[in-house]
Amino acid sequence: MATPRIAIIGGGPAGLMCARILQGHNIQPAVYDADAAVDSRDPGGTLDLHADSGQIALEDAGLMDAFRSLARVEGQAKSRRDQHGTVLAQFIPVEGDEAAPEIDRGQLRTMLYEHLRPGTVRWEHQLTQAIPLGDGTHRLEFANGVSTEVDLVVGADGAWSKIRPLLTDAKPQYLGVCFLDARFDDVDSRHPEVAAIVGDGHMFSTDGDGRAVIVQRNSNGVVRGYIAFRAELDWYVTAGVDITDRAAVRCYLLREFDGWSPAMRPLITDNDSDYVQRSFWALPAPLTWHQVPGVTLIGDAAHLMAPFGGHGANLALLDGAELGRAIAKENTLDDAIARYETPMFARSGELAAGSNAALTKFFATTPADAPHLPPDHAREHQNYQDRAVEYRRRQAAEA
């Protein structure tokens, strides 16, 4: 087919990966993002990139060496504790296990961006509307007055996608759990008790009554923590808490987590940053739609899900890579969209449903003597590797 005019809305991992794959096939898309620059906002914490999804995308994009230079293999370590600090389960990766290394979200986004051709990403372009023109093309209009017409618009614009309504009426629903993001700096010297609890990777703790603390080792001596509890979306209004007042939030959390031991409380109260509310939402799962000429979705725009399992970013990267390959291989954009969407629906629907159920279970109220059954991370890593082999086998058969 003639070289199509492609616009990717959103410069996160999904959109940047799609652009990278397309450029590898000499197709030049334009990526539009509302941010002022790649590093203009706090990107959040750390990600584990799975061998059967995120790493496959990076390999196809020729970025595995760049990824390995930033990734933390030791960050795969995990532990689970109760609210008293008692260790319930631990996982330490064996030598050679690279099934799910960690990388900071900001580092991943910057790495992808720096491996695109200059000018690919158009910063400070906030989409206001995408207008179908009746022949599979769309006119895109941006808040800065720019407009353009394209043959394919790819919605990589996350939870509140402005492209999704072209395909489905589905809307994200609040999952009923508040996450307060808190950061600990120079953790090994300034917060040794936090460093000891989190170790090299992740620590998950829940009290069986809807409260949890999840802390994750990031790069450069930083730990990001998530203090989480079941709550209405506007809980702080009802509670009379100014979410920007660190002391007021701490007082509230000390009351909310009053059954947690002194050993665990530094994770809740000793942060160096303000508390940042991160509410979690999910689309109905599984979610599908009827194909529409000239438009598709990747990443959270297509299958926003709970963060449990770490599948969101991994699927986003794989979506971007698979769509890019499909466009390069098929004779028409309609055929490319069909080639991409069919397996994406099957893959993402199962994982989204499982992730949403896992979050509900983790924050459920359970009897004090209920057994703790954390995931078997060794088996999980082996499954990633086995599925990666199977994916490559199918990919070779289809070549």
Protein backbone atom coordinates (compact mmCIF):
# COMPACT_ATOMS: atom_id res chain seq x y z
CA MET A 1 0.00 0.00 0.00
CA ALA A 2 1.01 3.62 -0.42
CA THR A 3 2.75 5.08 2.62
CA PRO A 4 -0.11 5.95 4.98
CA ARG A 5 -0.46 9.12 7.02
CA ILE A 6 -0.39 7.83 10.60
CA ALA A 7 -1.00 9.81 13.78
CA ILE A 8 -0.32 8.27 17.17
CA ILE A 9 -2.08 10.10 19.99
CA GLY A 10 -0.01 9.70 23.15
CA GLY A 11 3.73 9.58 23.75
CA GLY A 12 3.80 6.92 26.44
CA PRO A 13 5.41 3.48 26.06
CA ALA A 14 2.72 2.16 23.69
CA GLY A 15 2.81 5.10 21.31
CA LEU A 16 6.59 5.45 21.29
CA MET A 17 7.07 1.73 20.71
CA CYS A 18 4.64 1.75 17.80
CA ALA A 19 6.50 4.68 16.25
CA ARG A 20 9.86 2.94 16.71
CA ILE A 21 8.67 -0.23 14.96
CA LEU A 22 7.11 1.74 12.10
CA GLN A 23 10.31 3.71 11.57
CA GLY A 24 12.20 0.43 11.39
CA HIS A 25 10.05 -0.31 8.32
CA ASN A 26 10.59 3.17 6.84
CA ILE A 27 7.12 4.36 7.76
CA GLN A 28 7.13 7.75 9.43
CA PRO A 29 4.28 8.40 11.88
CA ALA A 30 3.66 11.55 13.88
CA VAL A 31 3.27 11.19 17.65
CA TYR A 32 1.22 13.86 19.41
CA ASP A 33 1.43 14.35 23.17
CA ALA A 34 0.04 16.96 25.57
CA ASP A 35 3.18 17.02 27.73
CA ALA A 36 5.72 19.81 27.28
CA ALA A 37 8.64 17.36 27.08
CA VAL A 38 9.47 13.71 27.69
CA ASP A 39 10.42 14.43 31.30
CA SER A 40 8.02 17.28 32.13
CA ARG A 41 6.03 15.35 34.77
CA ASP A 42 6.57 12.70 37.42
CA PRO A 43 6.26 9.42 35.52
CA GLY A 44 5.62 7.27 38.61
CA GLY A 45 7.53 4.30 39.94
CA THR A 46 9.09 1.17 38.50
CA LEU A 47 8.00 -1.50 36.00
CA ASP A 48 8.90 -5.14 35.52
CA LEU A 49 9.16 -6.00 31.82
CA HIS A 50 8.12 -9.57 31.12
CA ALA A 51 9.94 -11.96 28.79
CA ASP A 52 6.70 -12.86 26.99
CA SER A 53 5.52 -9.33 26.20
CA GLY A 54 7.49 -6.17 27.03
CA GLN A 55 10.85 -7.77 26.30
CA ILE A 56 9.60 -9.21 23.00
CA ALA A 57 8.60 -5.71 21.91
CA LEU A 58 11.97 -4.27 22.95
CA GLU A 59 13.82 -7.02 21.10
CA ASP A 60 11.83 -6.42 17.93
CA ALA A 61 12.58 -2.72 18.26
CA GLY A 62 16.32 -3.38 18.59
CA LEU A 63 16.38 -1.95 22.10
CA MET A 64 17.30 -4.86 24.34
CA ASP A 65 20.88 -3.67 24.87
CA ALA A 66 19.62 -0.20 25.79
CA PHE A 67 17.11 -1.77 28.17
CA ARG A 68 19.69 -4.02 29.84
CA SER A 69 21.95 -1.04 30.48
CA LEU A 70 19.19 0.47 32.65
CA ALA A 71 17.35 -2.58 33.99
CA ARG A 72 17.75 -3.96 37.49
CA VAL A 73 17.69 -7.75 37.48
CA GLU A 74 17.97 -7.79 41.27
CA GLY A 75 14.78 -5.73 41.38
CA GLN A 76 12.81 -8.90 40.64
CA ALA A 77 13.10 -9.85 44.33
CA LYS A 78 9.80 -9.81 46.22
CA SER A 79 8.60 -10.33 49.75
CA ARG A 80 5.25 -10.35 51.47
CA ARG A 81 4.68 -9.34 55.10
CA ASP A 82 1.72 -8.90 57.38
CA GLN A 83 0.89 -5.64 59.16
CA HIS A 84 3.23 -6.59 62.01
CA GLY A 85 6.24 -6.96 59.71
CA THR A 86 6.33 -10.76 59.80
CA VAL A 87 7.72 -12.17 56.56
CA LEU A 88 5.17 -14.51 55.00
CA ALA A 89 6.93 -15.31 51.74
CA GLN A 90 10.07 -14.33 49.84
CA PHE A 91 11.31 -14.66 46.28
CA ILE A 92 14.94 -14.10 45.28
CA PRO A 93 15.67 -14.62 41.57
CA VAL A 94 18.29 -17.20 40.76
CA GLU A 95 21.35 -16.26 38.74
CA GLY A 96 20.43 -15.95 35.09
CA ASP A 97 16.75 -15.24 35.73
CA GLU A 98 15.91 -12.26 33.52
CA ALA A 99 12.21 -13.03 33.11
CA ALA A 100 11.03 -9.69 34.56
CA PRO A 101 13.78 -7.11 35.31
CA GLU A 102 12.77 -3.71 36.66
CA ILE A 103 13.17 -0.32 35.02
CA ASP A 104 11.98 3.11 36.16
CA ARG A 105 9.01 4.36 34.16
CA GLY A 106 10.76 7.61 33.34
CA GLN A 107 13.87 5.80 32.13
CA LEU A 108 11.80 3.58 29.84
CA ARG A 109 9.93 6.49 28.29
CA THR A 110 13.12 8.49 27.75
CA MET A 111 14.90 5.49 26.25
CA LEU A 112 12.10 4.93 23.73
CA TYR A 113 11.92 8.62 22.87
CA GLU A 114 15.67 8.94 22.31
CA HIS A 115 15.57 6.10 19.77
CA LEU A 116 13.07 7.87 17.51
CA ARG A 117 13.98 10.16 14.64
CA PRO A 118 14.17 13.83 15.66
CA GLY A 119 10.83 15.58 15.33
CA THR A 120 8.74 12.42 15.56
CA VAL A 121 7.02 13.54 18.76
CA ARG A 122 5.04 16.77 18.65
CA TRP A 123 4.98 17.97 22.25
CA GLU A 124 2.33 20.32 23.64
CA HIS A 125 -0.33 18.95 21.30
CA GLN A 126 -3.44 18.21 23.34
CA LEU A 127 -6.09 16.56 21.19
CA THR A 128 -9.50 18.19 21.43
CA GLN A 129 -11.38 16.09 18.90
CA ALA A 130 -11.00 13.46 16.20
CA ILE A 131 -13.57 13.88 13.43
CA PRO A 132 -14.37 10.99 11.04
CA LEU A 133 -14.43 12.21 7.44
CA GLY A 134 -16.42 9.25 6.10
CA ASP A 135 -13.75 7.42 4.11
CA GLY A 136 -11.65 5.98 6.92
CA THR A 137 -9.71 9.21 7.32
CA HIS A 138 -9.95 11.52 10.32
CA ARG A 139 -9.30 15.17 11.01
CA LEU A 140 -7.49 15.76 14.27
CA GLU A 141 -7.81 19.09 16.04
CA PHE A 142 -5.52 20.20 18.86
CA ALA A 143 -5.85 22.82 21.57
CA ASN A 144 -2.94 24.83 20.14
CA GLY A 145 -4.83 25.41 16.87
CA VAL A 146 -3.05 22.75 14.83
CA SER A 147 -5.18 20.39 12.74
CA THR A 148 -4.28 17.54 10.41
CA GLU A 149 -5.91 14.79 8.37
CA VAL A 150 -4.67 11.21 8.60
CA ASP A 151 -5.36 7.76 7.16
CA LEU A 152 -4.93 6.05 10.54
CA VAL A 153 -5.29 7.42 14.04
CA VAL A 154 -3.87 5.25 16.82
CA GLY A 155 -5.25 5.94 20.27
CA ALA A 156 -2.35 5.52 22.68
CA ASP A 157 -3.77 8.17 24.98
CA GLY A 158 -4.41 6.12 28.10
CA ALA A 159 -7.29 5.82 30.52
CA TRP A 160 -9.24 8.87 29.35
CA SER A 161 -8.65 8.34 25.66
CA LYS A 162 -10.32 10.79 23.30
CA ILE A 163 -9.99 8.21 20.52
CA ARG A 164 -11.81 5.36 22.31
CA PRO A 165 -15.31 6.83 21.76
CA LEU A 166 -14.81 6.32 18.02
CA LEU A 167 -14.87 2.57 18.72
CA THR A 168 -16.80 1.88 21.91
CA ASP A 169 -18.97 3.48 24.58
CA ALA A 170 -16.99 1.70 27.33
CA LYS A 171 -15.76 3.97 30.11
CA PRO A 172 -13.33 3.35 32.99
CA GLN A 173 -14.81 2.53 36.38
CA TYR A 174 -13.20 3.39 39.72
CA LEU A 175 -11.92 0.25 41.45
CA GLY A 176 -12.68 1.46 44.98
CA VAL A 177 -9.11 1.59 46.27
CA CYS A 178 -7.09 4.74 46.93
CA PHE A 179 -3.33 4.60 46.39
CA LEU A 180 -1.21 7.34 47.97
CA ASP A 181 2.16 7.48 46.24
CA ALA A 182 5.03 8.48 48.54
CA ARG A 183 8.78 8.69 47.88
CA PHE A 184 11.79 7.98 50.09
CA ASP A 185 15.09 9.53 48.94
CA ASP A 186 18.65 8.31 49.68
CA VAL A 187 16.91 5.41 51.33
CA ASP A 188 19.95 3.39 52.37
CA SER A 189 21.46 6.23 54.38
CA ARG A 190 18.40 8.28 55.39
CA HIS A 191 15.81 5.52 55.84
CA PRO A 192 17.68 2.29 56.66
CA GLU A 193 14.58 0.73 58.22
CA VAL A 194 12.66 1.23 54.97
CA ALA A 195 15.62 -0.07 52.95
CA ALA A 196 15.74 -3.22 55.09
CA ILE A 197 12.04 -3.90 54.62
CA VAL A 198 11.92 -3.34 50.86
CA GLY A 199 15.19 -5.11 50.03
CA ASP A 200 16.28 -5.08 46.39
CA GLY A 201 12.82 -5.28 44.86
CA HIS A 202 9.22 -5.12 46.07
CA MET A 203 7.50 -5.62 49.39
CA PHE A 204 3.76 -6.20 49.63
CA SER A 205 1.90 -6.05 52.92
CA THR A 206 -1.80 -6.29 53.75
CA ASP A 207 -3.73 -6.55 56.99
CA GLY A 208 -6.63 -8.59 55.61
CA ASP A 209 -8.99 -5.69 56.27
CA GLY A 210 -8.67 -3.68 53.07
CA ARG A 211 -5.41 -1.85 53.83
CA ALA A 212 -2.02 -2.39 52.24
CA VAL A 213 1.45 -0.95 51.82
CA ILE A 214 3.42 -1.69 48.68
CA VAL A 215 7.00 -0.40 48.41
CA GLN A 216 9.31 -0.70 45.43
CA ARG A 217 13.03 -0.11 45.01
CA ASN A 218 13.70 2.35 42.17
CA SER A 219 17.05 3.48 40.80
CA ASN A 220 19.32 6.13 42.32
CA GLY A 221 18.61 5.26 45.96
CA VAL A 222 14.87 5.95 45.71
CA VAL A 223 12.01 3.87 47.07
CA ARG A 224 8.46 4.59 45.98
CA GLY A 225 5.72 3.53 48.35
CA TYR A 226 1.99 3.08 47.87
CA ILE A 227 -0.21 3.36 50.94
CA ALA A 228 -3.52 1.90 49.85
CA PHE A 229 -6.95 1.44 51.37
CA ARG A 230 -10.53 0.96 50.28
CA ALA A 231 -12.20 4.36 49.96
CA GLU A 232 -14.55 6.47 47.93
CA LEU A 233 -12.92 8.55 45.24
CA ASP A 234 -13.40 11.77 47.25
CA TRP A 235 -12.59 10.21 50.65
CA TYR A 236 -10.46 13.18 51.70
CA VAL A 237 -13.40 15.57 51.28
CA THR A 238 -15.62 13.45 53.52
CA ALA A 239 -12.76 13.07 56.04
CA GLY A 240 -11.96 16.80 55.96
CA VAL A 241 -8.33 16.17 54.94
CA ASP A 242 -6.36 18.58 52.75
CA ILE A 243 -4.58 16.16 50.42
CA THR A 244 -1.80 18.74 49.88
CA ASP A 245 -1.11 19.00 53.63
CA ARG A 246 1.43 16.28 54.37
CA ALA A 247 0.95 16.48 58.15
CA ALA A 248 -2.83 16.23 57.86
CA VAL A 249 -2.61 13.20 55.59
CA ARG A 250 -0.17 11.53 58.00
CA CYS A 251 -2.55 12.05 60.92
CA TYR A 252 -5.35 10.47 58.91
CA LEU A 253 -3.18 7.50 57.91
CA LEU A 254 -2.04 6.89 61.48
CA ARG A 255 -5.68 6.56 62.46
CA GLU A 256 -6.54 4.44 59.43
CA PHE A 257 -3.55 2.12 59.97
CA ASP A 258 -3.62 2.12 63.78
CA GLY A 259 -3.37 -1.67 63.93
CA TRP A 260 -0.06 -1.70 62.08
CA SER A 261 3.09 -2.27 64.12
CA PRO A 262 5.71 0.42 64.84
CA ALA A 263 8.12 -1.52 62.61
CA MET A 264 5.88 -0.91 59.58
CA ARG A 265 4.79 2.65 60.29
CA PRO A 266 7.86 4.37 58.75
CA LEU A 267 6.55 3.13 55.40
CA ILE A 268 3.41 5.17 56.04
CA THR A 269 4.77 8.32 57.71
CA ASP A 270 8.48 8.92 56.95
CA ASN A 271 8.28 9.80 53.26
CA ASP A 272 10.27 12.73 51.84
CA SER A 273 7.64 13.68 49.28
CA ASP A 274 4.06 14.81 49.57
CA TYR A 275 1.41 12.13 49.23
CA VAL A 276 0.17 11.93 45.64
CA GLN A 277 -3.26 10.41 45.14
CA ARG A 278 -3.36 7.86 42.34
CA SER A 279 -6.82 6.44 41.94
CA PHE A 280 -7.09 3.26 39.89
CA TRP A 281 -9.69 2.64 37.23
CA ALA A 282 -10.42 -0.20 34.83
CA LEU A 283 -12.35 -0.74 31.62
CA PRO A 284 -14.82 -3.62 31.38
CA ALA A 285 -12.94 -6.85 30.78
CA PRO A 286 -12.79 -8.45 28.35
CA LEU A 287 -13.41 -5.47 26.09
CA THR A 288 -13.87 -5.76 22.32
CA TRP A 289 -15.36 -3.62 19.57
CA HIS A 290 -16.30 -3.89 15.92
CA GLN A 291 -13.52 -2.81 13.61
CA VAL A 292 -13.73 0.77 12.36
CA PRO A 293 -11.71 1.86 9.32
CA GLY A 294 -8.84 4.17 10.07
CA VAL A 295 -8.75 3.91 13.87
CA THR A 296 -7.54 1.55 16.61
CA LEU A 297 -6.34 1.59 20.21
CA ILE A 298 -3.22 0.38 22.00
CA GLY A 299 -2.19 0.21 25.67
CA ASP A 300 -4.44 1.54 28.42
CA ALA A 301 -6.71 3.16 25.86
CA ALA A 302 -7.63 -0.38 24.75
CA HIS A 303 -7.54 -2.37 28.00
CA LEU A 304 -7.06 -0.26 31.12
CA MET A 305 -6.77 -2.66 34.06
CA ALA A 306 -5.77 -2.92 37.71
CA PRO A 307 -2.00 -2.74 38.30
CA PHE A 308 -1.80 -6.21 39.85
CA GLY A 309 0.44 -8.52 37.82
CA GLY A 310 2.22 -5.64 36.10
CA HIS A 311 0.59 -6.45 32.76
CA GLY A 312 -0.48 -2.95 31.69
CA ALA A 313 2.86 -1.55 30.49
CA ASN A 314 3.92 -4.91 29.10
CA LEU A 315 0.79 -5.22 27.00
CA ALA A 316 1.17 -1.60 25.93
CA LEU A 317 4.65 -2.26 24.54
CA LEU A 318 3.55 -5.46 22.81
CA ASP A 319 0.48 -3.72 21.37
CA GLY A 320 2.66 -1.00 19.89
CA ALA A 321 5.08 -3.51 18.38
CA GLU A 322 2.38 -5.79 16.96
CA LEU A 323 0.43 -2.93 15.41
CA GLY A 324 3.59 -1.53 13.85
CA ARG A 325 4.50 -4.92 12.37
CA ALA A 326 0.97 -5.47 11.08
CA ILE A 327 0.96 -2.13 9.27
CA ALA A 328 4.30 -2.96 7.68
CA LYS A 329 3.21 -6.44 6.54
CA GLU A 330 -0.37 -6.04 5.35
CA ASN A 331 -1.54 -4.62 2.04
CA THR A 332 -4.22 -2.37 3.54
CA LEU A 333 -4.74 -0.55 6.80
CA ASP A 334 -8.00 -2.45 7.35
CA ASP A 335 -6.13 -5.75 7.10
CA ALA A 336 -3.44 -4.44 9.46
CA ILE A 337 -6.00 -3.41 12.07
CA ALA A 338 -7.69 -6.82 11.89
CA ARG A 339 -4.35 -8.62 12.17
CA TYR A 340 -3.50 -6.60 15.28
CA GLU A 341 -6.86 -6.41 17.07
CA THR A 342 -7.87 -10.09 16.96
CA PRO A 343 -5.01 -11.47 19.10
CA MET A 344 -4.90 -8.31 21.22
CA PHE A 345 -8.52 -8.82 22.30
CA ALA A 346 -7.87 -12.41 23.38
CA ARG A 347 -4.62 -11.66 25.19
CA SER A 348 -5.65 -8.49 26.99
CA GLY A 349 -9.15 -9.64 27.96
CA GLU A 350 -7.89 -12.60 29.97
CA LEU A 351 -5.12 -10.65 31.70
CA ALA A 352 -7.34 -7.66 32.47
CA ALA A 353 -10.03 -9.80 34.07
CA GLY A 354 -7.41 -11.59 36.14
CA SER A 355 -5.71 -8.37 37.26
CA ASN A 356 -8.99 -6.76 38.30
CA ALA A 357 -9.99 -9.85 40.26
CA ALA A 358 -6.56 -9.95 41.95
CA LEU A 359 -6.92 -6.39 43.20
CA THR A 360 -10.37 -7.12 44.61
CA LYS A 361 -9.05 -10.21 46.38
CA PHE A 362 -5.96 -8.44 47.75
CA PHE A 363 -8.04 -5.70 49.35
CA ALA A 364 -10.85 -7.94 50.54
CA THR A 365 -11.69 -8.38 54.19
CA THR A 366 -10.53 -11.84 55.21
CA PRO A 367 -10.59 -13.75 58.51
CA ALA A 368 -7.50 -13.32 60.64
CA ASP A 369 -6.63 -17.00 60.25
CA ALA A 370 -7.11 -17.09 56.47
CA PRO A 371 -4.12 -18.61 54.67
CA HIS A 372 -1.81 -16.22 52.85
CA LEU A 373 -1.26 -17.48 49.34
CA PRO A 374 1.16 -15.12 47.55
CA PRO A 375 1.97 -15.94 43.92
CA ASP A 376 4.60 -18.53 43.13
CA HIS A 377 7.02 -16.08 41.52
CA ALA A 378 9.48 -18.75 40.38
CA ARG A 379 6.69 -20.49 38.46
CA GLU A 380 5.47 -17.11 37.20
CA HIS A 381 8.92 -16.34 35.78
CA GLN A 382 9.16 -19.75 34.15
CA ASN A 383 5.75 -19.17 32.58
CA TYR A 384 6.96 -15.86 31.12
CA GLN A 385 9.93 -17.61 29.56
CA ASP A 386 7.88 -20.53 28.24
CA ARG A 387 5.31 -18.21 26.68
CA ALA A 388 8.10 -16.16 25.09
CA VAL A 389 9.42 -19.29 23.37
CA GLU A 390 5.91 -20.17 22.16
CA TYR A 391 5.33 -16.60 20.93
CA ARG A 392 8.54 -16.70 18.89
CA ARG A 393 7.58 -20.10 17.48
CA ARG A 394 4.24 -18.76 16.25
CA GLN A 395 5.88 -15.62 14.92
CA ALA A 396 8.34 -17.69 12.88
CA ALA A 397 5.53 -19.88 11.51
CA GLU A 398 3.63 -16.78 10.35
CA ALA A 399 6.64 -15.16 8.67
